[in-house]
Amino acid sequence: MRTASVVRNTLETQVSVALTIDGSGVSRLKTGLPFFEHMLDQVARHGLIDLNVEAAGDLGVDAHHTVEDVGITIGQALQKAMGNKAGLRRYGHAYVPLDEALSRVVVDLSGRPGLFYRARFARDRVNDFDVDLIEEFLRGLVNHALITVHVDVIAGRNAHHVAETIFKAAGRALRMALEQDARAVTQIPSTKGSL
């Protein structure tokens, strides 16, 4: 089982994450941010990753530190659970629609962090969740998982729909990239021999 647990404690947040890459998409989420939990559930469900997240943060200030630190901690757990990446497909991509919204996410388990985020929202918030925090979450995740992720919102007017397509597509793209390739079980998917 490719699994990992990570705890991150700072003066601003306390975050614990446990994940299983080869899961069934079950999540247990407690962050104090219902919309964020709804989005994390999309990644778990569509990525078939079992994901447990408990976070307590300085929500009286705002949600920024909590969302970013959850991204960092999930990224650390993902990096740990991947191991040396032998036998992984490495690349994954997904186009996901939700009514009028459509997003594309492309993932490379490259060992090099990079987020290339092209998304526009018709409004700044979904309920009380600041949509700018989606980019902050993803940046924390890619920087600590050491992966490259491209996010392109192709269409959409409804901010909830746009956000949901991003997270669903991220789950599907991760699922593809993390899949074991039966023909290359012991191979590192790189001409360098390491990722």
N, C-alpha and C. Protein backbone atom coordinates (compact mmCIF):
# COMPACT_ATOMS: atom_id res chain seq x y z
N MET A 1 0.84 -1.19 0.00
CA MET A 1 0.00 0.00 0.00
C MET A 1 0.88 1.25 0.00
N ARG A 2 0.59 2.15 -0.91
CA ARG A 2 1.30 3.43 -0.95
C ARG A 2 0.52 4.39 -0.07
N THR A 3 1.05 4.60 1.13
CA THR A 3 0.35 5.39 2.13
C THR A 3 1.34 6.25 2.90
N ALA A 4 0.85 7.33 3.47
CA ALA A 4 1.72 8.20 4.27
C ALA A 4 0.87 9.05 5.20
N SER A 5 1.50 9.45 6.30
CA SER A 5 0.89 10.38 7.26
C SER A 5 1.89 11.47 7.56
N VAL A 6 1.40 12.70 7.64
CA VAL A 6 2.26 13.85 7.93
C VAL A 6 1.52 14.78 8.88
N VAL A 7 2.25 15.32 9.84
CA VAL A 7 1.71 16.32 10.76
C VAL A 7 2.53 17.59 10.58
N ARG A 8 1.84 18.72 10.49
CA ARG A 8 2.50 20.03 10.37
C ARG A 8 1.91 20.95 11.43
N ASN A 9 2.76 21.44 12.31
CA ASN A 9 2.33 22.37 13.36
C ASN A 9 3.12 23.66 13.25
N THR A 10 2.40 24.77 13.14
CA THR A 10 3.01 26.09 13.14
C THR A 10 2.29 26.95 14.16
N LEU A 11 2.71 28.19 14.30
CA LEU A 11 2.01 29.11 15.19
C LEU A 11 0.65 29.49 14.64
N GLU A 12 0.42 29.24 13.34
CA GLU A 12 -0.84 29.62 12.69
C GLU A 12 -1.79 28.44 12.50
N THR A 13 -1.25 27.24 12.32
CA THR A 13 -2.09 26.08 12.01
C THR A 13 -1.53 24.81 12.63
N GLN A 14 -2.43 23.85 12.81
CA GLN A 14 -2.06 22.47 13.16
C GLN A 14 -2.80 21.59 12.15
N VAL A 15 -2.03 20.86 11.35
CA VAL A 15 -2.61 20.06 10.27
C VAL A 15 -2.08 18.64 10.35
N SER A 16 -2.98 17.67 10.22
CA SER A 16 -2.56 16.27 10.07
C SER A 16 -3.25 15.70 8.85
N VAL A 17 -2.47 14.96 8.07
CA VAL A 17 -2.95 14.36 6.83
C VAL A 17 -2.53 12.90 6.80
N ALA A 18 -3.45 12.04 6.43
CA ALA A 18 -3.14 10.64 6.14
C ALA A 18 -3.77 10.34 4.79
N LEU A 19 -2.98 9.74 3.89
CA LEU A 19 -3.54 9.41 2.58
C LEU A 19 -3.05 8.06 2.11
N THR A 20 -3.88 7.44 1.29
CA THR A 20 -3.55 6.18 0.64
C THR A 20 -3.79 6.37 -0.84
N ILE A 21 -2.74 6.25 -1.64
CA ILE A 21 -2.85 6.45 -3.08
C ILE A 21 -3.78 5.41 -3.70
N ASP A 22 -3.61 4.16 -3.29
CA ASP A 22 -4.41 3.07 -3.87
C ASP A 22 -5.66 2.84 -3.03
N GLY A 23 -6.46 3.87 -2.91
CA GLY A 23 -7.64 3.80 -2.07
C GLY A 23 -8.91 3.61 -2.87
N SER A 24 -10.01 3.99 -2.26
CA SER A 24 -11.31 3.87 -2.91
C SER A 24 -12.04 5.21 -2.99
N GLY A 25 -11.32 6.30 -2.64
CA GLY A 25 -11.91 7.62 -2.76
C GLY A 25 -12.67 8.08 -1.53
N VAL A 26 -12.38 7.49 -0.38
CA VAL A 26 -13.05 7.85 0.86
C VAL A 26 -12.29 8.99 1.52
N SER A 27 -13.03 10.00 1.99
CA SER A 27 -12.37 11.11 2.68
C SER A 27 -13.04 11.38 4.01
N ARG A 28 -12.22 11.81 4.97
CA ARG A 28 -12.68 12.31 6.25
C ARG A 28 -11.98 13.65 6.43
N LEU A 29 -12.76 14.72 6.44
CA LEU A 29 -12.21 16.06 6.35
C LEU A 29 -12.76 16.95 7.46
N LYS A 30 -11.87 17.62 8.17
CA LYS A 30 -12.28 18.54 9.22
C LYS A 30 -11.33 19.73 9.19
N THR A 31 -11.76 20.80 8.52
CA THR A 31 -10.92 21.99 8.39
C THR A 31 -11.59 23.26 8.91
N GLY A 32 -12.88 23.18 9.16
CA GLY A 32 -13.63 24.38 9.51
C GLY A 32 -14.05 25.21 8.31
N LEU A 33 -13.79 24.67 7.10
CA LEU A 33 -14.10 25.36 5.85
C LEU A 33 -14.92 24.43 4.96
N PRO A 34 -16.25 24.49 5.06
CA PRO A 34 -17.10 23.52 4.35
C PRO A 34 -16.88 23.47 2.84
N PHE A 35 -16.75 24.60 2.17
CA PHE A 35 -16.56 24.57 0.71
C PHE A 35 -15.23 23.94 0.36
N PHE A 36 -14.18 24.25 1.12
CA PHE A 36 -12.86 23.66 0.90
C PHE A 36 -12.93 22.14 1.08
N GLU A 37 -13.65 21.70 2.10
CA GLU A 37 -13.81 20.26 2.31
C GLU A 37 -14.53 19.61 1.13
N HIS A 38 -15.52 20.30 0.60
CA HIS A 38 -16.25 19.81 -0.58
C HIS A 38 -15.28 19.64 -1.76
N MET A 39 -14.34 20.57 -1.92
CA MET A 39 -13.37 20.49 -3.01
C MET A 39 -12.35 19.36 -2.77
N LEU A 40 -11.87 19.23 -1.53
CA LEU A 40 -10.93 18.14 -1.22
C LEU A 40 -11.58 16.78 -1.44
N ASP A 41 -12.87 16.69 -1.13
CA ASP A 41 -13.60 15.45 -1.36
C ASP A 41 -13.62 15.10 -2.85
N GLN A 42 -13.67 16.11 -3.71
CA GLN A 42 -13.63 15.85 -5.16
C GLN A 42 -12.31 15.21 -5.57
N VAL A 43 -11.20 15.71 -5.03
CA VAL A 43 -9.89 15.13 -5.35
C VAL A 43 -9.83 13.68 -4.90
N ALA A 44 -10.27 13.43 -3.67
CA ALA A 44 -10.25 12.06 -3.15
C ALA A 44 -11.14 11.14 -3.98
N ARG A 45 -12.37 11.56 -4.20
CA ARG A 45 -13.34 10.72 -4.88
C ARG A 45 -12.93 10.41 -6.30
N HIS A 46 -12.51 11.44 -7.04
CA HIS A 46 -12.19 11.23 -8.45
C HIS A 46 -10.76 10.73 -8.65
N GLY A 47 -9.91 10.89 -7.64
CA GLY A 47 -8.55 10.36 -7.70
C GLY A 47 -8.44 8.96 -7.12
N LEU A 48 -9.53 8.47 -6.51
CA LEU A 48 -9.52 7.20 -5.77
C LEU A 48 -8.39 7.17 -4.74
N ILE A 49 -8.23 8.30 -4.09
CA ILE A 49 -7.26 8.46 -3.01
C ILE A 49 -8.04 8.54 -1.70
N ASP A 50 -7.68 7.71 -0.73
CA ASP A 50 -8.28 7.85 0.59
C ASP A 50 -7.56 9.00 1.29
N LEU A 51 -8.32 9.94 1.82
CA LEU A 51 -7.74 11.17 2.34
C LEU A 51 -8.38 11.57 3.65
N ASN A 52 -7.56 11.66 4.69
CA ASN A 52 -8.00 12.15 5.99
C ASN A 52 -7.25 13.44 6.28
N VAL A 53 -7.99 14.50 6.53
CA VAL A 53 -7.39 15.80 6.84
C VAL A 53 -8.06 16.38 8.08
N GLU A 54 -7.24 16.74 9.06
CA GLU A 54 -7.72 17.50 10.22
C GLU A 54 -6.87 18.75 10.30
N ALA A 55 -7.53 19.89 10.33
CA ALA A 55 -6.80 21.15 10.39
C ALA A 55 -7.49 22.12 11.33
N ALA A 56 -6.69 22.75 12.16
CA ALA A 56 -7.17 23.84 13.01
C ALA A 56 -6.27 25.03 12.72
N GLY A 57 -6.87 26.12 12.29
CA GLY A 57 -6.07 27.28 11.93
C GLY A 57 -6.67 28.57 12.44
N ASP A 58 -5.98 29.64 12.14
CA ASP A 58 -6.39 30.96 12.61
C ASP A 58 -7.47 31.54 11.69
N LEU A 59 -8.62 30.88 11.66
CA LEU A 59 -9.71 31.29 10.77
C LEU A 59 -10.28 32.65 11.16
N GLY A 60 -10.00 33.11 12.38
CA GLY A 60 -10.41 34.45 12.77
C GLY A 60 -9.67 35.52 11.99
N VAL A 61 -8.47 35.20 11.51
CA VAL A 61 -7.72 36.10 10.64
C VAL A 61 -8.31 36.00 9.24
N ASP A 62 -8.16 34.82 8.64
CA ASP A 62 -8.86 34.41 7.42
C ASP A 62 -8.46 32.97 7.13
N ALA A 63 -8.88 32.45 6.01
CA ALA A 63 -8.65 31.03 5.71
C ALA A 63 -7.32 30.76 5.04
N HIS A 64 -6.57 31.79 4.71
CA HIS A 64 -5.36 31.63 3.91
C HIS A 64 -4.37 30.62 4.50
N HIS A 65 -4.01 30.80 5.77
CA HIS A 65 -2.99 29.93 6.36
C HIS A 65 -3.46 28.48 6.42
N THR A 66 -4.72 28.28 6.74
CA THR A 66 -5.25 26.92 6.83
C THR A 66 -5.23 26.24 5.47
N VAL A 67 -5.73 26.91 4.44
CA VAL A 67 -5.80 26.32 3.10
C VAL A 67 -4.40 26.04 2.57
N GLU A 68 -3.50 27.00 2.70
CA GLU A 68 -2.13 26.82 2.21
C GLU A 68 -1.44 25.67 2.94
N ASP A 69 -1.59 25.62 4.27
CA ASP A 69 -0.90 24.59 5.04
C ASP A 69 -1.49 23.20 4.80
N VAL A 70 -2.78 23.12 4.52
CA VAL A 70 -3.35 21.83 4.12
C VAL A 70 -2.73 21.40 2.79
N GLY A 71 -2.58 22.33 1.85
CA GLY A 71 -1.92 22.01 0.58
C GLY A 71 -0.50 21.53 0.78
N ILE A 72 0.25 22.22 1.63
CA ILE A 72 1.63 21.82 1.92
C ILE A 72 1.68 20.42 2.50
N THR A 73 0.79 20.15 3.46
CA THR A 73 0.82 18.86 4.17
C THR A 73 0.37 17.72 3.27
N ILE A 74 -0.66 17.94 2.46
CA ILE A 74 -1.05 16.91 1.49
C ILE A 74 0.09 16.67 0.51
N GLY A 75 0.75 17.74 0.07
CA GLY A 75 1.89 17.59 -0.84
C GLY A 75 3.00 16.75 -0.22
N GLN A 76 3.32 17.00 1.04
CA GLN A 76 4.35 16.22 1.73
C GLN A 76 3.96 14.75 1.84
N ALA A 77 2.69 14.51 2.15
CA ALA A 77 2.22 13.13 2.27
C ALA A 77 2.24 12.43 0.91
N LEU A 78 1.84 13.13 -0.12
CA LEU A 78 1.85 12.54 -1.46
C LEU A 78 3.27 12.20 -1.88
N GLN A 79 4.21 13.11 -1.66
CA GLN A 79 5.62 12.87 -2.00
C GLN A 79 6.14 11.64 -1.27
N LYS A 80 5.81 11.53 0.00
CA LYS A 80 6.25 10.39 0.81
C LYS A 80 5.62 9.09 0.32
N ALA A 81 4.32 9.11 0.00
CA ALA A 81 3.62 7.89 -0.41
C ALA A 81 4.06 7.40 -1.79
N MET A 82 4.52 8.31 -2.65
CA MET A 82 4.98 7.90 -3.99
C MET A 82 6.27 7.10 -3.95
N GLY A 83 7.06 7.26 -2.92
CA GLY A 83 8.33 6.55 -2.84
C GLY A 83 9.26 6.98 -3.97
N ASN A 84 9.96 6.02 -4.58
CA ASN A 84 10.92 6.37 -5.64
C ASN A 84 10.27 6.50 -7.01
N LYS A 85 8.97 6.31 -7.09
CA LYS A 85 8.16 6.48 -8.30
C LYS A 85 8.37 5.40 -9.36
N ALA A 86 9.03 4.33 -8.99
CA ALA A 86 9.22 3.22 -9.94
C ALA A 86 7.87 2.66 -10.36
N GLY A 87 7.70 2.49 -11.65
CA GLY A 87 6.50 1.88 -12.19
C GLY A 87 5.32 2.81 -12.36
N LEU A 88 5.46 4.07 -11.98
CA LEU A 88 4.35 5.00 -12.15
C LEU A 88 4.25 5.47 -13.60
N ARG A 89 3.04 5.78 -14.01
CA ARG A 89 2.85 6.32 -15.36
C ARG A 89 3.46 7.72 -15.49
N ARG A 90 3.56 8.44 -14.42
CA ARG A 90 4.18 9.76 -14.30
C ARG A 90 3.31 10.90 -14.80
N TYR A 91 2.72 10.76 -15.98
CA TYR A 91 1.92 11.84 -16.55
C TYR A 91 0.43 11.53 -16.42
N GLY A 92 -0.34 12.57 -16.18
CA GLY A 92 -1.79 12.41 -16.14
C GLY A 92 -2.46 13.68 -16.60
N HIS A 93 -3.63 13.53 -17.17
CA HIS A 93 -4.38 14.69 -17.64
C HIS A 93 -5.87 14.38 -17.57
N ALA A 94 -6.65 15.44 -17.44
CA ALA A 94 -8.11 15.27 -17.41
C ALA A 94 -8.78 16.57 -17.83
N TYR A 95 -9.82 16.41 -18.62
CA TYR A 95 -10.77 17.48 -18.91
C TYR A 95 -12.04 17.12 -18.14
N VAL A 96 -12.54 18.06 -17.35
CA VAL A 96 -13.76 17.78 -16.59
C VAL A 96 -14.76 18.93 -16.79
N PRO A 97 -15.97 18.60 -17.24
CA PRO A 97 -17.03 19.60 -17.34
C PRO A 97 -17.96 19.53 -16.14
N LEU A 98 -18.61 20.62 -15.86
CA LEU A 98 -19.74 20.66 -14.95
C LEU A 98 -20.67 21.75 -15.50
N ASP A 99 -21.72 21.32 -16.15
CA ASP A 99 -22.62 22.24 -16.83
C ASP A 99 -21.82 23.15 -17.77
N GLU A 100 -21.83 24.46 -17.56
CA GLU A 100 -21.18 25.38 -18.49
C GLU A 100 -19.67 25.48 -18.26
N ALA A 101 -19.17 24.92 -17.17
CA ALA A 101 -17.75 25.04 -16.82
C ALA A 101 -16.95 23.86 -17.36
N LEU A 102 -15.70 24.14 -17.72
CA LEU A 102 -14.80 23.11 -18.23
C LEU A 102 -13.38 23.47 -17.84
N SER A 103 -12.69 22.54 -17.19
CA SER A 103 -11.29 22.74 -16.82
C SER A 103 -10.44 21.57 -17.27
N ARG A 104 -9.17 21.90 -17.53
CA ARG A 104 -8.17 20.88 -17.88
C ARG A 104 -7.06 20.97 -16.85
N VAL A 105 -6.65 19.81 -16.33
CA VAL A 105 -5.51 19.73 -15.43
C VAL A 105 -4.56 18.68 -15.98
N VAL A 106 -3.27 19.04 -16.05
CA VAL A 106 -2.23 18.14 -16.53
C VAL A 106 -1.17 18.05 -15.44
N VAL A 107 -0.76 16.82 -15.11
CA VAL A 107 0.16 16.55 -14.01
C VAL A 107 1.39 15.82 -14.53
N ASP A 108 2.56 16.21 -14.02
CA ASP A 108 3.81 15.49 -14.25
C ASP A 108 4.45 15.27 -12.89
N LEU A 109 4.65 14.02 -12.52
CA LEU A 109 5.30 13.69 -11.24
C LEU A 109 6.82 13.83 -11.42
N SER A 110 7.24 15.01 -11.79
CA SER A 110 8.56 15.29 -12.33
C SER A 110 9.69 15.36 -11.32
N GLY A 111 9.36 15.58 -10.05
CA GLY A 111 10.41 15.88 -9.09
C GLY A 111 10.77 17.36 -9.10
N ARG A 112 10.10 18.13 -9.95
CA ARG A 112 10.33 19.57 -10.05
C ARG A 112 9.01 20.29 -9.78
N PRO A 113 8.97 21.13 -8.76
CA PRO A 113 7.70 21.81 -8.46
C PRO A 113 7.42 22.93 -9.45
N GLY A 114 6.18 23.00 -9.91
CA GLY A 114 5.77 24.09 -10.76
C GLY A 114 4.26 24.11 -10.90
N LEU A 115 3.67 25.26 -10.66
CA LEU A 115 2.23 25.44 -10.87
C LEU A 115 2.03 26.50 -11.94
N PHE A 116 1.27 26.16 -12.95
CA PHE A 116 0.94 27.07 -14.04
C PHE A 116 -0.58 27.15 -14.06
N TYR A 117 -1.10 28.23 -13.49
CA TYR A 117 -2.51 28.34 -13.13
C TYR A 117 -3.15 29.45 -13.93
N ARG A 118 -4.10 29.07 -14.78
CA ARG A 118 -4.81 30.04 -15.60
C ARG A 118 -6.31 29.84 -15.37
N ALA A 119 -6.83 30.65 -14.43
CA ALA A 119 -8.24 30.53 -14.06
C ALA A 119 -8.80 31.90 -13.77
N ARG A 120 -10.00 32.13 -14.25
CA ARG A 120 -10.73 33.37 -13.95
C ARG A 120 -12.07 32.99 -13.36
N PHE A 121 -12.48 33.79 -12.40
CA PHE A 121 -13.76 33.56 -11.74
C PHE A 121 -14.63 34.80 -11.89
N ALA A 122 -15.92 34.58 -12.06
CA ALA A 122 -16.86 35.69 -12.21
C ALA A 122 -17.09 36.44 -10.90
N ARG A 123 -16.79 35.79 -9.78
CA ARG A 123 -16.92 36.45 -8.48
C ARG A 123 -15.78 36.00 -7.58
N ASP A 124 -15.57 36.73 -6.51
CA ASP A 124 -14.42 36.51 -5.63
C ASP A 124 -14.62 35.40 -4.61
N ARG A 125 -15.88 35.07 -4.34
CA ARG A 125 -16.16 34.12 -3.26
C ARG A 125 -17.23 33.12 -3.67
N VAL A 126 -17.10 31.93 -3.13
CA VAL A 126 -18.18 30.95 -3.15
C VAL A 126 -18.57 30.77 -1.70
N ASN A 127 -19.79 31.19 -1.38
CA ASN A 127 -20.21 31.30 0.01
C ASN A 127 -19.21 32.23 0.70
N ASP A 128 -18.48 31.75 1.70
CA ASP A 128 -17.50 32.64 2.33
C ASP A 128 -16.07 32.23 1.98
N PHE A 129 -15.89 31.39 0.95
CA PHE A 129 -14.56 30.91 0.56
C PHE A 129 -13.99 31.79 -0.54
N ASP A 130 -12.83 32.37 -0.31
CA ASP A 130 -12.13 33.23 -1.27
C ASP A 130 -11.52 32.36 -2.37
N VAL A 131 -11.95 32.52 -3.61
CA VAL A 131 -11.47 31.66 -4.69
C VAL A 131 -9.98 31.83 -4.98
N ASP A 132 -9.36 32.94 -4.54
CA ASP A 132 -7.91 33.09 -4.68
C ASP A 132 -7.15 31.99 -3.94
N LEU A 133 -7.79 31.42 -2.92
CA LEU A 133 -7.13 30.40 -2.11
C LEU A 133 -6.96 29.07 -2.85
N ILE A 134 -7.69 28.88 -3.94
CA ILE A 134 -7.51 27.66 -4.74
C ILE A 134 -6.08 27.61 -5.27
N GLU A 135 -5.61 28.72 -5.79
CA GLU A 135 -4.23 28.78 -6.29
C GLU A 135 -3.23 28.58 -5.15
N GLU A 136 -3.50 29.16 -3.99
CA GLU A 136 -2.59 29.00 -2.85
C GLU A 136 -2.52 27.54 -2.40
N PHE A 137 -3.67 26.87 -2.37
CA PHE A 137 -3.69 25.45 -2.02
C PHE A 137 -2.85 24.65 -3.01
N LEU A 138 -3.08 24.87 -4.30
CA LEU A 138 -2.36 24.11 -5.32
C LEU A 138 -0.86 24.40 -5.28
N ARG A 139 -0.49 25.65 -5.04
CA ARG A 139 0.94 25.99 -4.97
C ARG A 139 1.61 25.26 -3.81
N GLY A 140 0.95 25.25 -2.65
CA GLY A 140 1.50 24.51 -1.51
C GLY A 140 1.65 23.04 -1.83
N LEU A 141 0.64 22.47 -2.49
CA LEU A 141 0.67 21.04 -2.84
C LEU A 141 1.81 20.73 -3.81
N VAL A 142 1.91 21.46 -4.91
CA VAL A 142 2.93 21.12 -5.92
C VAL A 142 4.34 21.39 -5.40
N ASN A 143 4.51 22.43 -4.60
CA ASN A 143 5.85 22.74 -4.09
C ASN A 143 6.36 21.66 -3.15
N HIS A 144 5.45 20.97 -2.46
CA HIS A 144 5.89 19.98 -1.49
C HIS A 144 5.74 18.54 -1.98
N ALA A 145 4.91 18.33 -2.99
CA ALA A 145 4.86 17.01 -3.63
C ALA A 145 5.94 16.90 -4.70
N LEU A 146 6.54 18.04 -5.06
CA LEU A 146 7.56 18.11 -6.12
C LEU A 146 7.00 17.60 -7.45
N ILE A 147 5.88 18.20 -7.84
CA ILE A 147 5.23 17.85 -9.10
C ILE A 147 4.95 19.12 -9.90
N THR A 148 4.74 18.93 -11.19
CA THR A 148 4.35 20.04 -12.06
C THR A 148 2.88 19.89 -12.40
N VAL A 149 2.13 20.99 -12.29
CA VAL A 149 0.69 20.96 -12.56
C VAL A 149 0.32 22.17 -13.40
N HIS A 150 -0.39 21.91 -14.49
CA HIS A 150 -0.98 22.97 -15.31
C HIS A 150 -2.49 22.93 -15.11
N VAL A 151 -3.07 24.08 -14.80
CA VAL A 151 -4.52 24.21 -14.64
C VAL A 151 -5.00 25.27 -15.63
N ASP A 152 -5.94 24.88 -16.47
CA ASP A 152 -6.53 25.81 -17.42
C ASP A 152 -8.05 25.72 -17.33
N VAL A 153 -8.67 26.83 -16.94
CA VAL A 153 -10.13 26.90 -16.99
C VAL A 153 -10.49 27.34 -18.41
N ILE A 154 -11.19 26.49 -19.11
CA ILE A 154 -11.51 26.72 -20.52
C ILE A 154 -12.82 27.48 -20.68
N ALA A 155 -13.77 27.20 -19.78
CA ALA A 155 -15.07 27.86 -19.86
C ALA A 155 -15.71 27.85 -18.48
N GLY A 156 -16.62 28.79 -18.26
CA GLY A 156 -17.38 28.78 -17.02
C GLY A 156 -17.78 30.15 -16.56
N ARG A 157 -19.01 30.24 -16.04
CA ARG A 157 -19.53 31.48 -15.46
C ARG A 157 -19.78 31.33 -13.97
N ASN A 158 -20.23 30.17 -13.56
CA ASN A 158 -20.57 29.92 -12.16
C ASN A 158 -19.30 29.56 -11.39
N ALA A 159 -18.95 30.38 -10.39
CA ALA A 159 -17.69 30.18 -9.66
C ALA A 159 -17.62 28.83 -8.97
N HIS A 160 -18.74 28.36 -8.43
CA HIS A 160 -18.76 27.04 -7.79
C HIS A 160 -18.44 25.96 -8.83
N HIS A 161 -19.06 26.04 -9.99
CA HIS A 161 -18.82 25.05 -11.03
C HIS A 161 -17.37 25.07 -11.49
N VAL A 162 -16.82 26.27 -11.68
CA VAL A 162 -15.43 26.38 -12.12
C VAL A 162 -14.50 25.75 -11.10
N ALA A 163 -14.67 26.09 -9.83
CA ALA A 163 -13.82 25.52 -8.79
C ALA A 163 -13.93 24.00 -8.76
N GLU A 164 -15.14 23.51 -8.86
CA GLU A 164 -15.35 22.06 -8.78
C GLU A 164 -14.70 21.34 -9.95
N THR A 165 -14.74 21.94 -11.14
CA THR A 165 -14.08 21.28 -12.29
C THR A 165 -12.57 21.23 -12.09
N ILE A 166 -12.00 22.24 -11.47
CA ILE A 166 -10.55 22.23 -11.21
C ILE A 166 -10.19 21.07 -10.28
N PHE A 167 -10.91 20.93 -9.19
CA PHE A 167 -10.58 19.90 -8.20
C PHE A 167 -10.88 18.49 -8.73
N LYS A 168 -11.99 18.34 -9.45
CA LYS A 168 -12.29 17.03 -10.03
C LYS A 168 -11.23 16.64 -11.06
N ALA A 169 -10.85 17.59 -11.91
CA ALA A 169 -9.83 17.30 -12.92
C ALA A 169 -8.49 17.00 -12.27
N ALA A 170 -8.17 17.70 -11.17
CA ALA A 170 -6.93 17.41 -10.46
C ALA A 170 -6.93 15.98 -9.93
N GLY A 171 -8.05 15.55 -9.37
CA GLY A 171 -8.16 14.17 -8.89
C GLY A 171 -7.98 13.16 -10.01
N ARG A 172 -8.65 13.38 -11.14
CA ARG A 172 -8.55 12.44 -12.27
C ARG A 172 -7.14 12.42 -12.85
N ALA A 173 -6.50 13.59 -12.97
CA ALA A 173 -5.14 13.64 -13.53
C ALA A 173 -4.15 12.96 -12.58
N LEU A 174 -4.29 13.18 -11.28
CA LEU A 174 -3.42 12.49 -10.32
C LEU A 174 -3.63 10.99 -10.38
N ARG A 175 -4.86 10.58 -10.48
CA ARG A 175 -5.17 9.14 -10.56
C ARG A 175 -4.44 8.50 -11.74
N MET A 176 -4.46 9.15 -12.89
CA MET A 176 -3.78 8.62 -14.07
C MET A 176 -2.26 8.60 -13.87
N ALA A 177 -1.69 9.69 -13.36
CA ALA A 177 -0.25 9.78 -13.20
C ALA A 177 0.28 8.80 -12.17
N LEU A 178 -0.49 8.56 -11.11
CA LEU A 178 -0.06 7.69 -10.01
C LEU A 178 -0.30 6.21 -10.29
N GLU A 179 -1.00 5.91 -11.37
CA GLU A 179 -1.31 4.52 -11.70
C GLU A 179 -0.04 3.73 -11.98
N GLN A 180 -0.02 2.49 -11.51
CA GLN A 180 1.10 1.59 -11.78
C GLN A 180 1.03 1.08 -13.21
N ASP A 181 2.15 1.13 -13.90
CA ASP A 181 2.26 0.61 -15.27
C ASP A 181 2.81 -0.81 -15.18
N ALA A 182 1.98 -1.80 -15.47
CA ALA A 182 2.37 -3.20 -15.33
C ALA A 182 3.56 -3.57 -16.20
N ARG A 183 3.79 -2.83 -17.29
CA ARG A 183 4.92 -3.13 -18.18
C ARG A 183 6.23 -2.53 -17.69
N ALA A 184 6.17 -1.68 -16.69
CA ALA A 184 7.39 -0.98 -16.25
C ALA A 184 7.46 -0.93 -14.72
N VAL A 185 7.16 -2.05 -14.09
CA VAL A 185 7.01 -2.09 -12.64
C VAL A 185 8.24 -1.60 -11.89
N THR A 186 9.43 -1.91 -12.39
CA THR A 186 10.65 -1.53 -11.67
C THR A 186 11.34 -0.32 -12.29
N GLN A 187 10.81 0.19 -13.37
CA GLN A 187 11.47 1.30 -14.06
C GLN A 187 11.06 2.64 -13.47
N ILE A 188 12.04 3.53 -13.36
CA ILE A 188 11.76 4.93 -13.04
C ILE A 188 11.39 5.59 -14.37
N PRO A 189 10.25 6.27 -14.48
CA PRO A 189 9.83 6.83 -15.77
C PRO A 189 10.57 8.12 -16.13
N SER A 190 11.90 7.98 -16.31
CA SER A 190 12.74 9.11 -16.70
C SER A 190 14.02 8.58 -17.30
N THR A 191 14.53 9.23 -18.33
CA THR A 191 15.81 8.84 -18.90
C THR A 191 16.97 9.15 -17.95
N LYS A 192 16.73 9.99 -16.96
CA LYS A 192 17.76 10.29 -15.96
C LYS A 192 17.91 9.15 -14.95
N GLY A 193 16.88 8.31 -14.84
CA GLY A 193 16.92 7.22 -13.87
C GLY A 193 16.42 7.62 -12.49
N SER A 194 15.97 8.86 -12.33
CA SER A 194 15.40 9.28 -11.05
C SER A 194 14.47 10.44 -11.28
N LEU A 195 13.52 10.60 -10.38
CA LEU A 195 12.58 11.72 -10.42
C LEU A 195 12.58 12.40 -9.07
